[in-house]
């Protein structure tokens, strides 16, 4: 019987890094055939898993092979879902609605991967992927860590801040935060942080206009109030996108941070 996270198809994809193999995969999520990118270090051995959750919606913020290979080159097996309805995948993306299951199934895919170390799977979300990462960390409390970089933590706040996204959000979510309050709350993991068990790292630029630092502050405050393990890396002079050299350094630093996180006890 087929199960969520099962790889149905796998084909070689051109890799920008000679030390990393890339594959375009089709996997199962709630009975839907979803597409994603899988990156594996060529060197034989077992590695920690890394679930990369992209931002944006549809073609905006689509997974970049170079980014996935970059994390894999740091010693991880990386899987990045495209989310439902994208690049030939079935279903319709709905901005941290039912498409959260594509992230959950991606976590399961890594759990079933023969080269991924047991209970050493990290969750990373960029921009809108921040919400997806937090939701996945709540779903799989044995995850090794959760990292949100320039991440959304409050979907209603995104509606308020991003006037250019309101039309899309009304269409996809079903209304505004006033008319569809339950839908926005369901998509906002801040209300469920009592259940967060993995350690959380928040990375954010103070000058970010795409996802303001208020998202990071709200998440940090909520986790601290609840006595959760949280660390913040705030960058005073950077926006949503960091200069390449700084970006590369932060990637190395966060990958090191991930590997330092010991497996936490599940209560």
C-alpha atoms as a PDB file:
ATOM      1  CA  UNK A   1       0.000   0.000   0.000  1.00  0.00           C
ATOM      2  CA  UNK A   2       1.357   3.427  -0.911  1.00  0.00           C
ATOM      3  CA  UNK A   3       2.014   5.845   1.943  1.00  0.00           C
ATOM      4  CA  UNK A   4       2.761   9.534   2.352  1.00  0.00           C
ATOM      5  CA  UNK A   5       6.412  10.297   1.748  1.00  0.00           C
ATOM      6  CA  UNK A   6       6.897   7.385  -0.630  1.00  0.00           C
ATOM      7  CA  UNK A   7       8.944   8.232  -3.719  1.00  0.00           C
ATOM      8  CA  UNK A   8       7.022   7.252  -6.841  1.00  0.00           C
ATOM      9  CA  UNK A   9       9.478   8.503  -9.462  1.00  0.00           C
ATOM     10  CA  UNK A  10      13.082   9.680  -9.313  1.00  0.00           C
ATOM     11  CA  UNK A  11      15.179  11.072 -12.140  1.00  0.00           C
ATOM     12  CA  UNK A  12      18.620  12.674 -12.304  1.00  0.00           C
ATOM     13  CA  UNK A  13      18.564  16.478 -12.334  1.00  0.00           C
ATOM     14  CA  UNK A  14      21.540  18.634 -13.422  1.00  0.00           C
ATOM     15  CA  UNK A  15      23.604  19.513 -10.356  1.00  0.00           C
ATOM     16  CA  UNK A  16      25.593  22.761  -9.993  1.00  0.00           C
ATOM     17  CA  UNK A  17      27.927  21.029  -7.531  1.00  0.00           C
ATOM     18  CA  UNK A  18      30.135  18.086  -8.632  1.00  0.00           C
ATOM     19  CA  UNK A  19      30.055  16.670  -5.084  1.00  0.00           C
ATOM     20  CA  UNK A  20      26.254  16.579  -4.911  1.00  0.00           C
ATOM     21  CA  UNK A  21      23.722  14.439  -6.782  1.00  0.00           C
ATOM     22  CA  UNK A  22      20.371  16.073  -7.539  1.00  0.00           C
ATOM     23  CA  UNK A  23      17.137  14.249  -8.321  1.00  0.00           C
ATOM     24  CA  UNK A  24      13.717  15.436  -9.413  1.00  0.00           C
ATOM     25  CA  UNK A  25      11.301  13.262  -7.482  1.00  0.00           C
ATOM     26  CA  UNK A  26       7.581  12.608  -7.444  1.00  0.00           C
ATOM     27  CA  UNK A  27       6.322  11.612  -4.006  1.00  0.00           C
ATOM     28  CA  UNK A  28       3.007  10.955  -2.314  1.00  0.00           C
ATOM     29  CA  UNK A  29       1.169  13.450  -0.089  1.00  0.00           C
ATOM     30  CA  UNK A  30      -2.481  12.881   0.874  1.00  0.00           C
ATOM     31  CA  UNK A  31      -2.851  10.722  -2.217  1.00  0.00           C
ATOM     32  CA  UNK A  32      -1.487  13.458  -4.495  1.00  0.00           C
ATOM     33  CA  UNK A  33       1.602  13.168  -6.666  1.00  0.00           C
ATOM     34  CA  UNK A  34       3.848  16.064  -5.575  1.00  0.00           C
ATOM     35  CA  UNK A  35       7.161  17.172  -7.067  1.00  0.00           C
ATOM     36  CA  UNK A  36      10.346  18.109  -5.249  1.00  0.00           C
ATOM     37  CA  UNK A  37      14.145  18.182  -5.391  1.00  0.00           C
ATOM     38  CA  UNK A  38      16.346  15.713  -3.523  1.00  0.00           C
ATOM     39  CA  UNK A  39      20.053  16.399  -2.993  1.00  0.00           C
ATOM     40  CA  UNK A  40      22.524  13.777  -1.789  1.00  0.00           C
ATOM     41  CA  UNK A  41      26.280  14.103  -1.146  1.00  0.00           C
ATOM     42  CA  UNK A  42      28.139  11.786  -3.528  1.00  0.00           C
ATOM     43  CA  UNK A  43      30.495  10.616  -0.796  1.00  0.00           C
ATOM     44  CA  UNK A  44      29.304   7.290   0.600  1.00  0.00           C
ATOM     45  CA  UNK A  45      27.890   7.336   4.099  1.00  0.00           C
ATOM     46  CA  UNK A  46      24.962   8.311   6.282  1.00  0.00           C
ATOM     47  CA  UNK A  47      23.962  11.935   6.773  1.00  0.00           C
ATOM     48  CA  UNK A  48      21.559  14.054   8.749  1.00  0.00           C
ATOM     49  CA  UNK A  49      18.355  15.005   6.953  1.00  0.00           C
ATOM     50  CA  UNK A  50      17.430  18.551   5.972  1.00  0.00           C
ATOM     51  CA  UNK A  51      13.874  19.480   4.954  1.00  0.00           C
ATOM     52  CA  UNK A  52      14.025  22.720   2.957  1.00  0.00           C
ATOM     53  CA  UNK A  53      10.698  24.568   2.855  1.00  0.00           C
ATOM     54  CA  UNK A  54      10.584  27.286   0.226  1.00  0.00           C
ATOM     55  CA  UNK A  55       8.831  30.625   0.438  1.00  0.00           C
ATOM     56  CA  UNK A  56       6.541  32.402  -1.982  1.00  0.00           C
ATOM     57  CA  UNK A  57       3.719  30.766  -3.873  1.00  0.00           C
ATOM     58  CA  UNK A  58       3.543  29.186  -7.340  1.00  0.00           C
ATOM     59  CA  UNK A  59       6.544  30.333  -9.398  1.00  0.00           C
ATOM     60  CA  UNK A  60       7.452  33.103  -6.943  1.00  0.00           C
ATOM     61  CA  UNK A  61      10.127  31.819  -4.588  1.00  0.00           C
ATOM     62  CA  UNK A  62      10.481  28.470  -6.356  1.00  0.00           C
ATOM     63  CA  UNK A  63      13.175  26.061  -5.138  1.00  0.00           C
ATOM     64  CA  UNK A  64      16.619  26.833  -6.597  1.00  0.00           C
ATOM     65  CA  UNK A  65      18.864  23.823  -7.304  1.00  0.00           C
ATOM     66  CA  UNK A  66      21.995  25.795  -6.331  1.00  0.00           C
ATOM     67  CA  UNK A  67      20.517  26.542  -2.893  1.00  0.00           C
ATOM     68  CA  UNK A  68      19.613  22.913  -2.259  1.00  0.00           C
ATOM     69  CA  UNK A  69      23.060  21.736  -3.397  1.00  0.00           C
ATOM     70  CA  UNK A  70      24.654  24.369  -1.140  1.00  0.00           C
ATOM     71  CA  UNK A  71      23.080  22.853   1.965  1.00  0.00           C
ATOM     72  CA  UNK A  72      23.811  19.297   0.805  1.00  0.00           C
ATOM     73  CA  UNK A  73      27.488  20.198   0.405  1.00  0.00           C
ATOM     74  CA  UNK A  74      27.546  20.999   4.126  1.00  0.00           C
ATOM     75  CA  UNK A  75      26.869  17.330   4.881  1.00  0.00           C
ATOM     76  CA  UNK A  76      23.102  16.833   4.671  1.00  0.00           C
ATOM     77  CA  UNK A  77      20.639  14.900   2.556  1.00  0.00           C
ATOM     78  CA  UNK A  78      18.258  17.667   1.541  1.00  0.00           C
ATOM     79  CA  UNK A  79      14.683  17.412   0.312  1.00  0.00           C
ATOM     80  CA  UNK A  80      12.767  20.453  -0.949  1.00  0.00           C
ATOM     81  CA  UNK A  81       9.062  20.070  -1.840  1.00  0.00           C
ATOM     82  CA  UNK A  82       7.706  22.285  -4.617  1.00  0.00           C
ATOM     83  CA  UNK A  83       4.257  22.030  -2.900  1.00  0.00           C
ATOM     84  CA  UNK A  84       1.113  20.790  -4.584  1.00  0.00           C
ATOM     85  CA  UNK A  85       0.092  22.176  -7.949  1.00  0.00           C
ATOM     86  CA  UNK A  86       3.626  23.217  -8.929  1.00  0.00           C
ATOM     87  CA  UNK A  87       5.906  21.935 -11.707  1.00  0.00           C
ATOM     88  CA  UNK A  88       3.424  19.255 -12.726  1.00  0.00           C
ATOM     89  CA  UNK A  89       2.398  18.228  -9.224  1.00  0.00           C
ATOM     90  CA  UNK A  90      -1.244  17.489  -8.465  1.00  0.00           C
ATOM     91  CA  UNK A  91      -3.559  19.645  -6.334  1.00  0.00           C
ATOM     92  CA  UNK A  92      -3.531  23.360  -5.553  1.00  0.00           C
ATOM     93  CA  UNK A  93      -1.140  25.269  -3.304  1.00  0.00           C
ATOM     94  CA  UNK A  94      -3.020  27.103  -0.557  1.00  0.00           C
ATOM     95  CA  UNK A  95      -0.475  29.067   1.503  1.00  0.00           C
ATOM     96  CA  UNK A  96       0.095  26.935   4.621  1.00  0.00           C
ATOM     97  CA  UNK A  97      -3.318  25.326   4.381  1.00  0.00           C
ATOM     98  CA  UNK A  98      -3.587  21.727   3.236  1.00  0.00           C
ATOM     99  CA  UNK A  99      -0.271  22.112   1.413  1.00  0.00           C
ATOM    100  CA  UNK A 100       1.362  21.786   4.871  1.00  0.00           C
ATOM    101  CA  UNK A 101       0.936  18.054   4.307  1.00  0.00           C
ATOM    102  CA  UNK A 102       3.436  18.297   1.441  1.00  0.00           C
ATOM    103  CA  UNK A 103       5.984  19.410   4.045  1.00  0.00           C
ATOM    104  CA  UNK A 104       4.882  16.678   6.475  1.00  0.00           C
ATOM    105  CA  UNK A 105       5.220  14.058   3.736  1.00  0.00           C
ATOM    106  CA  UNK A 106       8.625  15.500   2.851  1.00  0.00           C
ATOM    107  CA  UNK A 107       9.712  14.888   6.437  1.00  0.00           C
ATOM    108  CA  UNK A 108       8.461  11.310   6.137  1.00  0.00           C
ATOM    109  CA  UNK A 109      10.379  10.909   2.876  1.00  0.00           C
ATOM    110  CA  UNK A 110      13.586  11.778   4.704  1.00  0.00           C
ATOM    111  CA  UNK A 111      12.685   9.432   7.562  1.00  0.00           C
ATOM    112  CA  UNK A 112      12.433   6.584   5.038  1.00  0.00           C
ATOM    113  CA  UNK A 113      15.640   7.504   3.194  1.00  0.00           C
ATOM    114  CA  UNK A 114      18.201   4.701   3.688  1.00  0.00           C
ATOM    115  CA  UNK A 115      21.123   7.124   4.124  1.00  0.00           C
ATOM    116  CA  UNK A 116      19.478   9.495   6.633  1.00  0.00           C
ATOM    117  CA  UNK A 117      20.458   9.060  10.273  1.00  0.00           C
ATOM    118  CA  UNK A 118      17.484   8.181  12.470  1.00  0.00           C
ATOM    119  CA  UNK A 119      16.025  11.085  14.462  1.00  0.00           C
ATOM    120  CA  UNK A 120      18.482  13.531  12.917  1.00  0.00           C
ATOM    121  CA  UNK A 121      16.204  15.436  10.558  1.00  0.00           C
ATOM    122  CA  UNK A 122      16.249  19.238  10.610  1.00  0.00           C
ATOM    123  CA  UNK A 123      13.529  21.551   9.319  1.00  0.00           C
ATOM    124  CA  UNK A 124      14.379  24.811   7.567  1.00  0.00           C
ATOM    125  CA  UNK A 125      11.962  27.420   6.248  1.00  0.00           C
ATOM    126  CA  UNK A 126      12.624  30.608   4.315  1.00  0.00           C
ATOM    127  CA  UNK A 127      10.061  33.436   4.098  1.00  0.00           C
ATOM    128  CA  UNK A 128       6.571  31.855   3.836  1.00  0.00           C
ATOM    129  CA  UNK A 129       8.421  28.589   4.453  1.00  0.00           C
ATOM    130  CA  UNK A 130       8.913  29.773   8.025  1.00  0.00           C
ATOM    131  CA  UNK A 131       5.273  29.013   8.769  1.00  0.00           C
ATOM    132  CA  UNK A 132       5.617  25.647   7.033  1.00  0.00           C
ATOM    133  CA  UNK A 133       8.718  24.835   9.115  1.00  0.00           C
ATOM    134  CA  UNK A 134       7.021  25.705  12.396  1.00  0.00           C
ATOM    135  CA  UNK A 135       3.935  23.666  11.490  1.00  0.00           C
ATOM    136  CA  UNK A 136       6.148  20.712  10.582  1.00  0.00           C
ATOM    137  CA  UNK A 137       8.120  21.064  13.816  1.00  0.00           C
ATOM    138  CA  UNK A 138       4.829  20.854  15.707  1.00  0.00           C
ATOM    139  CA  UNK A 139       3.744  17.795  13.714  1.00  0.00           C
ATOM    140  CA  UNK A 140       7.072  15.973  14.202  1.00  0.00           C
ATOM    141  CA  UNK A 141       8.256  16.869  17.673  1.00  0.00           C
ATOM    142  CA  UNK A 142      11.223  14.486  17.379  1.00  0.00           C
ATOM    143  CA  UNK A 143      12.791  16.715  14.683  1.00  0.00           C
ATOM    144  CA  UNK A 144      16.387  17.631  15.532  1.00  0.00           C
ATOM    145  CA  UNK A 145      15.837  21.383  15.059  1.00  0.00           C
ATOM    146  CA  UNK A 146      13.731  24.049  13.354  1.00  0.00           C
ATOM    147  CA  UNK A 147      15.277  27.063  11.580  1.00  0.00           C
ATOM    148  CA  UNK A 148      13.266  29.966  10.207  1.00  0.00           C
ATOM    149  CA  UNK A 149      15.117  32.533   8.052  1.00  0.00           C
ATOM    150  CA  UNK A 150      13.238  35.719   7.196  1.00  0.00           C
ATOM    151  CA  UNK A 151      10.247  33.619   8.121  1.00  0.00           C
ATOM    152  CA  UNK A 152       6.560  34.381   8.439  1.00  0.00           C
ATOM    153  CA  UNK A 153       5.181  33.490  11.854  1.00  0.00           C
ATOM    154  CA  UNK A 154       1.794  35.251  11.674  1.00  0.00           C
ATOM    155  CA  UNK A 155      -0.191  34.947   8.437  1.00  0.00           C
ATOM    156  CA  UNK A 156      -2.652  37.678   9.437  1.00  0.00           C
ATOM    157  CA  UNK A 157       0.284  40.049   9.962  1.00  0.00           C
ATOM    158  CA  UNK A 158       1.472  39.240   6.435  1.00  0.00           C
ATOM    159  CA  UNK A 159      -1.944  40.290   5.128  1.00  0.00           C
ATOM    160  CA  UNK A 160      -1.681  43.593   7.002  1.00  0.00           C
ATOM    161  CA  UNK A 161       1.880  44.304   5.893  1.00  0.00           C
ATOM    162  CA  UNK A 162       1.847  43.095   2.294  1.00  0.00           C
ATOM    163  CA  UNK A 163      -0.785  45.118   0.436  1.00  0.00           C
ATOM    164  CA  UNK A 164       0.525  43.620  -2.814  1.00  0.00           C
ATOM    165  CA  UNK A 165      -0.378  40.109  -1.582  1.00  0.00           C
ATOM    166  CA  UNK A 166      -3.872  40.781  -0.275  1.00  0.00           C
ATOM    167  CA  UNK A 167      -5.712  39.870  -3.465  1.00  0.00           C
ATOM    168  CA  UNK A 168      -3.867  36.533  -3.685  1.00  0.00           C
ATOM    169  CA  UNK A 169      -4.404  35.792   0.008  1.00  0.00           C
ATOM    170  CA  UNK A 170      -8.135  36.523  -0.205  1.00  0.00           C
ATOM    171  CA  UNK A 171      -8.418  34.197  -3.193  1.00  0.00           C
ATOM    172  CA  UNK A 172      -6.317  31.374  -1.752  1.00  0.00           C
ATOM    173  CA  UNK A 173      -7.344  31.574   1.912  1.00  0.00           C
ATOM    174  CA  UNK A 174     -10.957  32.606   1.321  1.00  0.00           C
ATOM    175  CA  UNK A 175     -11.057  36.150   2.658  1.00  0.00           C
ATOM    176  CA  UNK A 176      -9.317  38.664   4.917  1.00  0.00           C
ATOM    177  CA  UNK A 177      -8.334  38.109   8.576  1.00  0.00           C
ATOM    178  CA  UNK A 178     -11.610  39.809   9.549  1.00  0.00           C
ATOM    179  CA  UNK A 179     -13.890  37.681   7.363  1.00  0.00           C
ATOM    180  CA  UNK A 180     -11.917  34.414   7.624  1.00  0.00           C
ATOM    181  CA  UNK A 181     -10.413  34.605  11.111  1.00  0.00           C
ATOM    182  CA  UNK A 182     -10.364  30.841  11.712  1.00  0.00           C
ATOM    183  CA  UNK A 183      -8.535  30.177   8.438  1.00  0.00           C
ATOM    184  CA  UNK A 184      -5.789  32.655   9.324  1.00  0.00           C
ATOM    185  CA  UNK A 185      -5.454  31.302  12.862  1.00  0.00           C
ATOM    186  CA  UNK A 186      -5.190  27.749  11.507  1.00  0.00           C
ATOM    187  CA  UNK A 187      -2.292  28.870   9.326  1.00  0.00           C
ATOM    188  CA  UNK A 188      -0.541  30.688  12.190  1.00  0.00           C
ATOM    189  CA  UNK A 189       1.626  28.409  14.376  1.00  0.00           C
ATOM    190  CA  UNK A 190       2.198  31.118  17.009  1.00  0.00           C
ATOM    191  CA  UNK A 191      -0.996  29.924  18.698  1.00  0.00           C
ATOM    192  CA  UNK A 192       0.396  26.405  19.145  1.00  0.00           C
ATOM    193  CA  UNK A 193       3.931  27.027  20.402  1.00  0.00           C
ATOM    194  CA  UNK A 194       3.161  25.289  23.716  1.00  0.00           C
ATOM    195  CA  UNK A 195       3.635  22.034  21.786  1.00  0.00           C
ATOM    196  CA  UNK A 196       6.974  22.969  20.162  1.00  0.00           C
ATOM    197  CA  UNK A 197       9.714  20.596  21.344  1.00  0.00           C
ATOM    198  CA  UNK A 198      12.649  20.976  18.887  1.00  0.00           C
ATOM    199  CA  UNK A 199      15.093  23.845  19.465  1.00  0.00           C
ATOM    200  CA  UNK A 200      14.332  26.845  17.241  1.00  0.00           C
ATOM    201  CA  UNK A 201      16.764  29.206  15.505  1.00  0.00           C
ATOM    202  CA  UNK A 202      15.381  32.515  14.168  1.00  0.00           C
ATOM    203  CA  UNK A 203      17.397  34.383  11.508  1.00  0.00           C
ATOM    204  CA  UNK A 204      16.141  37.774  10.333  1.00  0.00           C
ATOM    205  CA  UNK A 205      17.308  41.034   8.812  1.00  0.00           C
ATOM    206  CA  UNK A 206      16.193  44.204  10.607  1.00  0.00           C
ATOM    207  CA  UNK A 207      15.532  45.954   7.276  1.00  0.00           C
ATOM    208  CA  UNK A 208      13.356  43.178   5.835  1.00  0.00           C
ATOM    209  CA  UNK A 209      10.329  44.673   4.042  1.00  0.00           C
ATOM    210  CA  UNK A 210       9.049  41.385   2.604  1.00  0.00           C
ATOM    211  CA  UNK A 211       8.616  39.785   6.022  1.00  0.00           C
ATOM    212  CA  UNK A 212       9.165  42.372   8.741  1.00  0.00           C
ATOM    213  CA  UNK A 213      11.223  41.574  11.797  1.00  0.00           C
ATOM    214  CA  UNK A 214       8.015  41.817  13.829  1.00  0.00           C
ATOM    215  CA  UNK A 215       7.365  38.206  12.757  1.00  0.00           C
ATOM    216  CA  UNK A 216      10.662  37.177  14.363  1.00  0.00           C
ATOM    217  CA  UNK A 217      10.021  39.206  17.501  1.00  0.00           C
ATOM    218  CA  UNK A 218       6.553  37.711  18.000  1.00  0.00           C
ATOM    219  CA  UNK A 219       7.894  34.187  17.587  1.00  0.00           C
ATOM    220  CA  UNK A 220      10.869  34.832  19.865  1.00  0.00           C
ATOM    221  CA  UNK A 221       8.696  36.356  22.598  1.00  0.00           C
ATOM    222  CA  UNK A 222       6.169  33.526  22.431  1.00  0.00           C
ATOM    223  CA  UNK A 223       8.842  30.834  22.667  1.00  0.00           C
ATOM    224  CA  UNK A 224      10.683  32.614  25.482  1.00  0.00           C
ATOM    225  CA  UNK A 225       7.464  33.120  27.449  1.00  0.00           C
ATOM    226  CA  UNK A 226       6.781  29.396  27.194  1.00  0.00           C
ATOM    227  CA  UNK A 227      10.326  28.498  28.252  1.00  0.00           C
ATOM    228  CA  UNK A 228      11.214  26.913  24.921  1.00  0.00           C
ATOM    229  CA  UNK A 229      14.733  26.612  23.529  1.00  0.00           C
ATOM    230  CA  UNK A 230      15.159  29.485  21.060  1.00  0.00           C
ATOM    231  CA  UNK A 231      18.133  31.358  19.628  1.00  0.00           C
ATOM    232  CA  UNK A 232      18.053  34.493  17.472  1.00  0.00           C
ATOM    233  CA  UNK A 233      20.467  35.853  14.898  1.00  0.00           C
ATOM    234  CA  UNK A 234      19.368  39.356  13.958  1.00  0.00           C
ATOM    235  CA  UNK A 235      21.253  41.351  11.321  1.00  0.00           C
ATOM    236  CA  UNK A 236      20.927  45.106  11.611  1.00  0.00           C
ATOM    237  CA  UNK A 237      21.849  46.129   8.054  1.00  0.00           C
ATOM    238  CA  UNK A 238      20.214  43.419   5.926  1.00  0.00           C
ATOM    239  CA  UNK A 239      16.861  43.019   4.207  1.00  0.00           C
ATOM    240  CA  UNK A 240      15.042  39.844   3.087  1.00  0.00           C
ATOM    241  CA  UNK A 241      18.008  38.947   0.875  1.00  0.00           C
ATOM    242  CA  UNK A 242      21.551  38.924   2.248  1.00  0.00           C
ATOM    243  CA  UNK A 243      24.713  39.679   0.219  1.00  0.00           C
ATOM    244  CA  UNK A 244      26.216  36.468  -1.263  1.00  0.00           C
ATOM    245  CA  UNK A 245      29.328  36.371   0.935  1.00  0.00           C
ATOM    246  CA  UNK A 246      27.317  36.954   4.129  1.00  0.00           C
ATOM    247  CA  UNK A 247      24.721  34.444   2.960  1.00  0.00           C
ATOM    248  CA  UNK A 248      27.366  31.753   2.504  1.00  0.00           C
ATOM    249  CA  UNK A 249      28.797  32.395   5.961  1.00  0.00           C
ATOM    250  CA  UNK A 250      25.365  32.194   7.596  1.00  0.00           C
ATOM    251  CA  UNK A 251      24.657  28.933   5.768  1.00  0.00           C
ATOM    252  CA  UNK A 252      27.849  27.442   7.209  1.00  0.00           C
ATOM    253  CA  UNK A 253      27.063  28.817  10.658  1.00  0.00           C
ATOM    254  CA  UNK A 254      23.480  27.549  10.736  1.00  0.00           C
ATOM    255  CA  UNK A 255      24.531  24.113   9.443  1.00  0.00           C
ATOM    256  CA  UNK A 256      27.095  23.961  12.249  1.00  0.00           C
ATOM    257  CA  UNK A 257      24.392  25.055  14.720  1.00  0.00           C
ATOM    258  CA  UNK A 258      22.077  22.300  13.478  1.00  0.00           C
ATOM    259  CA  UNK A 259      24.708  19.626  13.967  1.00  0.00           C
ATOM    260  CA  UNK A 260      25.354  20.840  17.511  1.00  0.00           C
ATOM    261  CA  UNK A 261      21.770  20.295  18.556  1.00  0.00           C
ATOM    262  CA  UNK A 262      21.598  17.125  20.583  1.00  0.00           C
ATOM    263  CA  UNK A 263      18.587  14.861  20.244  1.00  0.00           C
ATOM    264  CA  UNK A 264      16.126  16.161  22.801  1.00  0.00           C
ATOM    265  CA  UNK A 265      13.985  13.959  24.957  1.00  0.00           C
ATOM    266  CA  UNK A 266      10.391  13.575  23.894  1.00  0.00           C
ATOM    267  CA  UNK A 267       8.103  14.252  26.820  1.00  0.00           C
END
